[in-house]
């Protein structure tokens, strides 16, 4: 179980890194959208590439962030039903859901989409819109995102089994991340304390 828990921590760290990285794509999409609007209004011109890259970025955030969402316990749950049972029963129901629903879904989606990605890459398929973008990168987001989700499902399965064995704390507790305001306040406080320390 120790090796499996170590694997679980590695998967968690991977999805944590991916999730925090793709969150910046939201800013990129907003900036591109704003620039596209300005160019369209000022110069009376536009490009389908600008529109499509926004869709690509949204797809990347949604798909690549799925594993991170599961890690943070922010996905849709059936707490109204589960809350009626004891914690061990809740964990067993979640294990059943991961094994019988999540894993098969991931396998089917990756199996169905991977050939489409390969075909789009080999043929260098382009968007049907004038000035549109190449298609295979956005197609590749689907199996990549589901693979990350499947890995996180494996991590959650390991943690739930370990919980039933009394080896870890409740894995269903939401991991509360600091807000941007809290991080800024801590940074300001640390800078003030550093100044005071230097003055002394």
C-alpha atoms as a PDB file:
ATOM      1  CA  UNK A   1       0.000   0.000   0.000  1.00  0.00           C
ATOM      2  CA  UNK A   2       2.933   2.336   0.616  1.00  0.00           C
ATOM      3  CA  UNK A   3       3.990   2.183  -3.048  1.00  0.00           C
ATOM      4  CA  UNK A   4       0.411   2.804  -4.177  1.00  0.00           C
ATOM      5  CA  UNK A   5       0.093   5.823  -1.899  1.00  0.00           C
ATOM      6  CA  UNK A   6       3.335   7.158  -3.310  1.00  0.00           C
ATOM      7  CA  UNK A   7       1.895   6.706  -6.819  1.00  0.00           C
ATOM      8  CA  UNK A   8      -1.244   8.526  -5.658  1.00  0.00           C
ATOM      9  CA  UNK A   9       0.839  11.471  -4.409  1.00  0.00           C
ATOM     10  CA  UNK A  10       2.687  11.591  -7.743  1.00  0.00           C
ATOM     11  CA  UNK A  11      -0.615  11.668  -9.669  1.00  0.00           C
ATOM     12  CA  UNK A  12      -1.975  14.379  -7.344  1.00  0.00           C
ATOM     13  CA  UNK A  13       1.139  16.489  -7.890  1.00  0.00           C
ATOM     14  CA  UNK A  14       0.847  16.038 -11.670  1.00  0.00           C
ATOM     15  CA  UNK A  15      -2.788  17.141 -11.807  1.00  0.00           C
ATOM     16  CA  UNK A  16      -2.086  19.976  -9.364  1.00  0.00           C
ATOM     17  CA  UNK A  17       0.639  21.267 -11.689  1.00  0.00           C
ATOM     18  CA  UNK A  18      -1.482  20.833 -14.818  1.00  0.00           C
ATOM     19  CA  UNK A  19      -4.542  22.422 -13.209  1.00  0.00           C
ATOM     20  CA  UNK A  20      -2.674  25.501 -12.028  1.00  0.00           C
ATOM     21  CA  UNK A  21      -0.957  25.858 -15.393  1.00  0.00           C
ATOM     22  CA  UNK A  22      -4.104  25.642 -17.527  1.00  0.00           C
ATOM     23  CA  UNK A  23      -5.862  28.176 -15.307  1.00  0.00           C
ATOM     24  CA  UNK A  24      -3.675  30.801 -17.009  1.00  0.00           C
ATOM     25  CA  UNK A  25      -5.321  29.875 -20.296  1.00  0.00           C
ATOM     26  CA  UNK A  26      -8.473  31.615 -19.056  1.00  0.00           C
ATOM     27  CA  UNK A  27      -6.521  34.878 -18.964  1.00  0.00           C
ATOM     28  CA  UNK A  28      -5.099  34.161 -22.424  1.00  0.00           C
ATOM     29  CA  UNK A  29      -8.607  33.568 -23.790  1.00  0.00           C
ATOM     30  CA  UNK A  30      -9.868  36.831 -22.258  1.00  0.00           C
ATOM     31  CA  UNK A  31      -6.940  38.832 -23.675  1.00  0.00           C
ATOM     32  CA  UNK A  32      -7.352  37.305 -27.144  1.00  0.00           C
ATOM     33  CA  UNK A  33     -11.092  37.944 -27.036  1.00  0.00           C
ATOM     34  CA  UNK A  34     -10.561  41.584 -26.047  1.00  0.00           C
ATOM     35  CA  UNK A  35      -7.908  42.134 -28.724  1.00  0.00           C
ATOM     36  CA  UNK A  36     -10.137  40.511 -31.330  1.00  0.00           C
ATOM     37  CA  UNK A  37     -13.010  42.829 -30.373  1.00  0.00           C
ATOM     38  CA  UNK A  38     -10.769  45.918 -30.537  1.00  0.00           C
ATOM     39  CA  UNK A  39      -9.329  44.940 -33.932  1.00  0.00           C
ATOM     40  CA  UNK A  40     -12.800  44.228 -35.286  1.00  0.00           C
ATOM     41  CA  UNK A  41     -14.180  47.607 -34.121  1.00  0.00           C
ATOM     42  CA  UNK A  42     -11.154  49.768 -34.947  1.00  0.00           C
ATOM     43  CA  UNK A  43      -9.935  48.178 -38.180  1.00  0.00           C
ATOM     44  CA  UNK A  44     -13.196  46.524 -39.271  1.00  0.00           C
ATOM     45  CA  UNK A  45     -11.435  43.187 -39.767  1.00  0.00           C
ATOM     46  CA  UNK A  46     -11.216  39.880 -37.980  1.00  0.00           C
ATOM     47  CA  UNK A  47      -9.952  36.330 -38.342  1.00  0.00           C
ATOM     48  CA  UNK A  48     -11.511  32.962 -37.707  1.00  0.00           C
ATOM     49  CA  UNK A  49      -8.191  31.940 -36.162  1.00  0.00           C
ATOM     50  CA  UNK A  50      -8.809  34.383 -33.292  1.00  0.00           C
ATOM     51  CA  UNK A  51     -12.226  32.869 -32.672  1.00  0.00           C
ATOM     52  CA  UNK A  52     -11.021  29.294 -32.902  1.00  0.00           C
ATOM     53  CA  UNK A  53      -8.064  29.789 -30.588  1.00  0.00           C
ATOM     54  CA  UNK A  54     -10.541  30.955 -27.933  1.00  0.00           C
ATOM     55  CA  UNK A  55     -12.486  27.711 -28.378  1.00  0.00           C
ATOM     56  CA  UNK A  56      -9.246  25.733 -28.220  1.00  0.00           C
ATOM     57  CA  UNK A  57      -8.226  27.457 -24.994  1.00  0.00           C
ATOM     58  CA  UNK A  58     -11.639  26.862 -23.433  1.00  0.00           C
ATOM     59  CA  UNK A  59     -11.446  23.182 -24.424  1.00  0.00           C
ATOM     60  CA  UNK A  60      -7.973  22.953 -22.871  1.00  0.00           C
ATOM     61  CA  UNK A  61      -9.156  24.460 -19.575  1.00  0.00           C
ATOM     62  CA  UNK A  62     -12.240  22.239 -19.434  1.00  0.00           C
ATOM     63  CA  UNK A  63     -10.573  18.970 -20.457  1.00  0.00           C
ATOM     64  CA  UNK A  64      -7.096  19.263 -18.931  1.00  0.00           C
ATOM     65  CA  UNK A  65      -8.567  20.677 -15.716  1.00  0.00           C
ATOM     66  CA  UNK A  66     -10.935  17.724 -15.150  1.00  0.00           C
ATOM     67  CA  UNK A  67      -8.395  15.738 -13.132  1.00  0.00           C
ATOM     68  CA  UNK A  68      -7.539  18.822 -11.060  1.00  0.00           C
ATOM     69  CA  UNK A  69     -11.248  19.371 -10.373  1.00  0.00           C
ATOM     70  CA  UNK A  70     -11.555  15.799  -9.124  1.00  0.00           C
ATOM     71  CA  UNK A  71      -8.424  16.203  -7.000  1.00  0.00           C
ATOM     72  CA  UNK A  72      -9.970  19.267  -5.344  1.00  0.00           C
ATOM     73  CA  UNK A  73     -13.264  17.397  -4.790  1.00  0.00           C
ATOM     74  CA  UNK A  74     -15.084  20.104  -6.764  1.00  0.00           C
ATOM     75  CA  UNK A  75     -16.839  17.804  -9.244  1.00  0.00           C
ATOM     76  CA  UNK A  76     -20.584  17.172  -9.144  1.00  0.00           C
ATOM     77  CA  UNK A  77     -21.464  14.791  -6.357  1.00  0.00           C
ATOM     78  CA  UNK A  78     -24.633  13.127  -5.054  1.00  0.00           C
ATOM     79  CA  UNK A  79     -24.138  14.318  -1.470  1.00  0.00           C
ATOM     80  CA  UNK A  80     -27.897  14.459  -0.837  1.00  0.00           C
ATOM     81  CA  UNK A  81     -28.019  10.679  -1.192  1.00  0.00           C
ATOM     82  CA  UNK A  82     -24.565   9.802   0.158  1.00  0.00           C
ATOM     83  CA  UNK A  83     -24.945  11.906   3.298  1.00  0.00           C
ATOM     84  CA  UNK A  84     -27.582   9.454   4.568  1.00  0.00           C
ATOM     85  CA  UNK A  85     -24.955   6.718   4.904  1.00  0.00           C
ATOM     86  CA  UNK A  86     -21.985   6.254   7.193  1.00  0.00           C
ATOM     87  CA  UNK A  87     -18.583   7.412   5.957  1.00  0.00           C
ATOM     88  CA  UNK A  88     -17.302   3.847   5.203  1.00  0.00           C
ATOM     89  CA  UNK A  89     -20.434   3.145   3.136  1.00  0.00           C
ATOM     90  CA  UNK A  90     -20.001   6.475   1.307  1.00  0.00           C
ATOM     91  CA  UNK A  91     -16.411   5.554   0.483  1.00  0.00           C
ATOM     92  CA  UNK A  92     -17.453   2.105  -0.779  1.00  0.00           C
ATOM     93  CA  UNK A  93     -20.113   3.667  -3.027  1.00  0.00           C
ATOM     94  CA  UNK A  94     -17.503   6.046  -4.435  1.00  0.00           C
ATOM     95  CA  UNK A  95     -15.111   3.152  -5.057  1.00  0.00           C
ATOM     96  CA  UNK A  96     -17.916   1.395  -6.951  1.00  0.00           C
ATOM     97  CA  UNK A  97     -18.524   4.551  -9.008  1.00  0.00           C
ATOM     98  CA  UNK A  98     -14.850   4.975  -9.873  1.00  0.00           C
ATOM     99  CA  UNK A  99     -14.364   1.330 -10.887  1.00  0.00           C
ATOM    100  CA  UNK A 100     -17.673   0.729 -12.650  1.00  0.00           C
ATOM    101  CA  UNK A 101     -18.344   4.118 -14.247  1.00  0.00           C
ATOM    102  CA  UNK A 102     -15.305   6.389 -14.373  1.00  0.00           C
ATOM    103  CA  UNK A 103     -12.698   3.869 -15.578  1.00  0.00           C
ATOM    104  CA  UNK A 104     -14.923   2.379 -18.326  1.00  0.00           C
ATOM    105  CA  UNK A 105     -15.858   5.880 -19.527  1.00  0.00           C
ATOM    106  CA  UNK A 106     -12.204   6.937 -19.715  1.00  0.00           C
ATOM    107  CA  UNK A 107     -11.215   3.762 -21.585  1.00  0.00           C
ATOM    108  CA  UNK A 108     -14.058   4.070 -24.109  1.00  0.00           C
ATOM    109  CA  UNK A 109     -13.479   7.780 -24.808  1.00  0.00           C
ATOM    110  CA  UNK A 110      -9.704   7.414 -25.233  1.00  0.00           C
ATOM    111  CA  UNK A 111     -10.196   4.314 -27.423  1.00  0.00           C
ATOM    112  CA  UNK A 112     -12.715   6.080 -29.666  1.00  0.00           C
ATOM    113  CA  UNK A 113     -10.958   9.435 -29.964  1.00  0.00           C
ATOM    114  CA  UNK A 114      -7.297   8.361 -30.287  1.00  0.00           C
ATOM    115  CA  UNK A 115      -7.725   7.114 -33.913  1.00  0.00           C
ATOM    116  CA  UNK A 116      -9.368  10.435 -34.848  1.00  0.00           C
ATOM    117  CA  UNK A 117      -6.433  12.344 -33.382  1.00  0.00           C
ATOM    118  CA  UNK A 118      -3.942  10.193 -35.299  1.00  0.00           C
ATOM    119  CA  UNK A 119      -5.885  10.585 -38.529  1.00  0.00           C
ATOM    120  CA  UNK A 120      -6.148  14.361 -38.102  1.00  0.00           C
ATOM    121  CA  UNK A 121      -2.404  14.533 -37.409  1.00  0.00           C
ATOM    122  CA  UNK A 122      -1.445  12.396 -40.405  1.00  0.00           C
ATOM    123  CA  UNK A 123      -3.702  14.324 -42.792  1.00  0.00           C
ATOM    124  CA  UNK A 124      -2.918  17.684 -41.117  1.00  0.00           C
ATOM    125  CA  UNK A 125      -6.657  18.350 -41.077  1.00  0.00           C
ATOM    126  CA  UNK A 126      -7.534  22.045 -41.056  1.00  0.00           C
ATOM    127  CA  UNK A 127     -10.645  23.855 -39.914  1.00  0.00           C
ATOM    128  CA  UNK A 128     -13.335  24.194 -42.566  1.00  0.00           C
ATOM    129  CA  UNK A 129     -13.577  27.912 -41.722  1.00  0.00           C
ATOM    130  CA  UNK A 130     -11.524  30.322 -43.832  1.00  0.00           C
ATOM    131  CA  UNK A 131      -8.305  31.166 -41.983  1.00  0.00           C
ATOM    132  CA  UNK A 132      -9.061  28.530 -39.369  1.00  0.00           C
ATOM    133  CA  UNK A 133      -6.551  26.523 -37.372  1.00  0.00           C
ATOM    134  CA  UNK A 134      -5.159  23.021 -37.634  1.00  0.00           C
ATOM    135  CA  UNK A 135      -7.439  20.508 -35.909  1.00  0.00           C
ATOM    136  CA  UNK A 136      -5.305  17.753 -34.354  1.00  0.00           C
ATOM    137  CA  UNK A 137      -4.084  19.745 -31.314  1.00  0.00           C
ATOM    138  CA  UNK A 138      -7.613  20.381 -30.080  1.00  0.00           C
ATOM    139  CA  UNK A 139      -8.636  16.802 -30.886  1.00  0.00           C
ATOM    140  CA  UNK A 140      -5.668  15.605 -28.808  1.00  0.00           C
ATOM    141  CA  UNK A 141      -7.007  17.489 -25.786  1.00  0.00           C
ATOM    142  CA  UNK A 142      -9.825  14.937 -25.457  1.00  0.00           C
ATOM    143  CA  UNK A 143      -7.739  11.792 -24.826  1.00  0.00           C
ATOM    144  CA  UNK A 144      -5.179  13.826 -22.863  1.00  0.00           C
ATOM    145  CA  UNK A 145      -7.854  15.265 -20.591  1.00  0.00           C
ATOM    146  CA  UNK A 146      -9.556  11.925 -20.063  1.00  0.00           C
ATOM    147  CA  UNK A 147      -6.200  10.262 -19.394  1.00  0.00           C
ATOM    148  CA  UNK A 148      -5.513  12.820 -16.641  1.00  0.00           C
ATOM    149  CA  UNK A 149      -9.016  12.240 -15.293  1.00  0.00           C
ATOM    150  CA  UNK A 150      -8.450   8.480 -15.318  1.00  0.00           C
ATOM    151  CA  UNK A 151      -5.137   8.875 -13.502  1.00  0.00           C
ATOM    152  CA  UNK A 152      -6.808  11.033 -10.872  1.00  0.00           C
ATOM    153  CA  UNK A 153      -9.540   8.407 -10.572  1.00  0.00           C
ATOM    154  CA  UNK A 154      -6.820   5.848  -9.844  1.00  0.00           C
ATOM    155  CA  UNK A 155      -5.337   8.156  -7.212  1.00  0.00           C
ATOM    156  CA  UNK A 156      -8.753   8.666  -5.599  1.00  0.00           C
ATOM    157  CA  UNK A 157      -9.368   4.915  -5.629  1.00  0.00           C
ATOM    158  CA  UNK A 158      -6.049   4.293  -3.860  1.00  0.00           C
ATOM    159  CA  UNK A 159      -6.818   6.944  -1.238  1.00  0.00           C
ATOM    160  CA  UNK A 160     -10.276   5.529  -0.579  1.00  0.00           C
ATOM    161  CA  UNK A 161      -8.993   1.996  -0.132  1.00  0.00           C
ATOM    162  CA  UNK A 162      -6.262   3.331   2.156  1.00  0.00           C
ATOM    163  CA  UNK A 163      -8.900   5.217   4.157  1.00  0.00           C
ATOM    164  CA  UNK A 164     -10.904   2.026   4.678  1.00  0.00           C
ATOM    165  CA  UNK A 165      -7.685   0.436   5.964  1.00  0.00           C
ATOM    166  CA  UNK A 166      -7.167   3.350   8.355  1.00  0.00           C
ATOM    167  CA  UNK A 167      -3.981   4.534   6.650  1.00  0.00           C
ATOM    168  CA  UNK A 168      -5.028   8.038   5.538  1.00  0.00           C
ATOM    169  CA  UNK A 169      -7.482  10.771   6.471  1.00  0.00           C
ATOM    170  CA  UNK A 170     -10.850  11.189   4.758  1.00  0.00           C
ATOM    171  CA  UNK A 171     -10.055  11.717   1.047  1.00  0.00           C
ATOM    172  CA  UNK A 172     -13.498  13.190   0.350  1.00  0.00           C
ATOM    173  CA  UNK A 173     -12.773  16.351   2.309  1.00  0.00           C
ATOM    174  CA  UNK A 174     -12.390  19.299  -0.036  1.00  0.00           C
ATOM    175  CA  UNK A 175      -8.874  20.663  -0.269  1.00  0.00           C
ATOM    176  CA  UNK A 176      -9.366  24.337   0.441  1.00  0.00           C
ATOM    177  CA  UNK A 177      -6.967  26.413  -1.613  1.00  0.00           C
ATOM    178  CA  UNK A 178      -6.061  29.958  -0.641  1.00  0.00           C
ATOM    179  CA  UNK A 179      -7.795  32.676  -2.611  1.00  0.00           C
ATOM    180  CA  UNK A 180      -5.774  35.201  -4.587  1.00  0.00           C
ATOM    181  CA  UNK A 181      -6.674  37.824  -1.976  1.00  0.00           C
ATOM    182  CA  UNK A 182      -5.362  35.636   0.853  1.00  0.00           C
ATOM    183  CA  UNK A 183      -2.109  34.975  -0.993  1.00  0.00           C
ATOM    184  CA  UNK A 184      -1.687  38.713  -1.675  1.00  0.00           C
ATOM    185  CA  UNK A 185      -2.371  39.584   1.982  1.00  0.00           C
ATOM    186  CA  UNK A 186       0.194  36.999   3.118  1.00  0.00           C
ATOM    187  CA  UNK A 187       2.767  38.370   0.662  1.00  0.00           C
ATOM    188  CA  UNK A 188       2.197  41.928   1.888  1.00  0.00           C
ATOM    189  CA  UNK A 189       2.434  40.828   5.520  1.00  0.00           C
ATOM    190  CA  UNK A 190       5.656  38.925   4.828  1.00  0.00           C
ATOM    191  CA  UNK A 191       7.142  41.967   3.067  1.00  0.00           C
ATOM    192  CA  UNK A 192       6.207  44.213   6.006  1.00  0.00           C
ATOM    193  CA  UNK A 193       7.768  41.804   8.480  1.00  0.00           C
ATOM    194  CA  UNK A 194      10.918  41.657   6.343  1.00  0.00           C
ATOM    195  CA  UNK A 195      11.142  45.458   6.341  1.00  0.00           C
ATOM    196  CA  UNK A 196      10.728  45.592  10.105  1.00  0.00           C
ATOM    197  CA  UNK A 197      13.394  42.910  10.538  1.00  0.00           C
ATOM    198  CA  UNK A 198      15.796  44.859   8.300  1.00  0.00           C
ATOM    199  CA  UNK A 199      15.103  48.111  10.202  1.00  0.00           C
ATOM    200  CA  UNK A 200      15.992  46.439  13.505  1.00  0.00           C
END
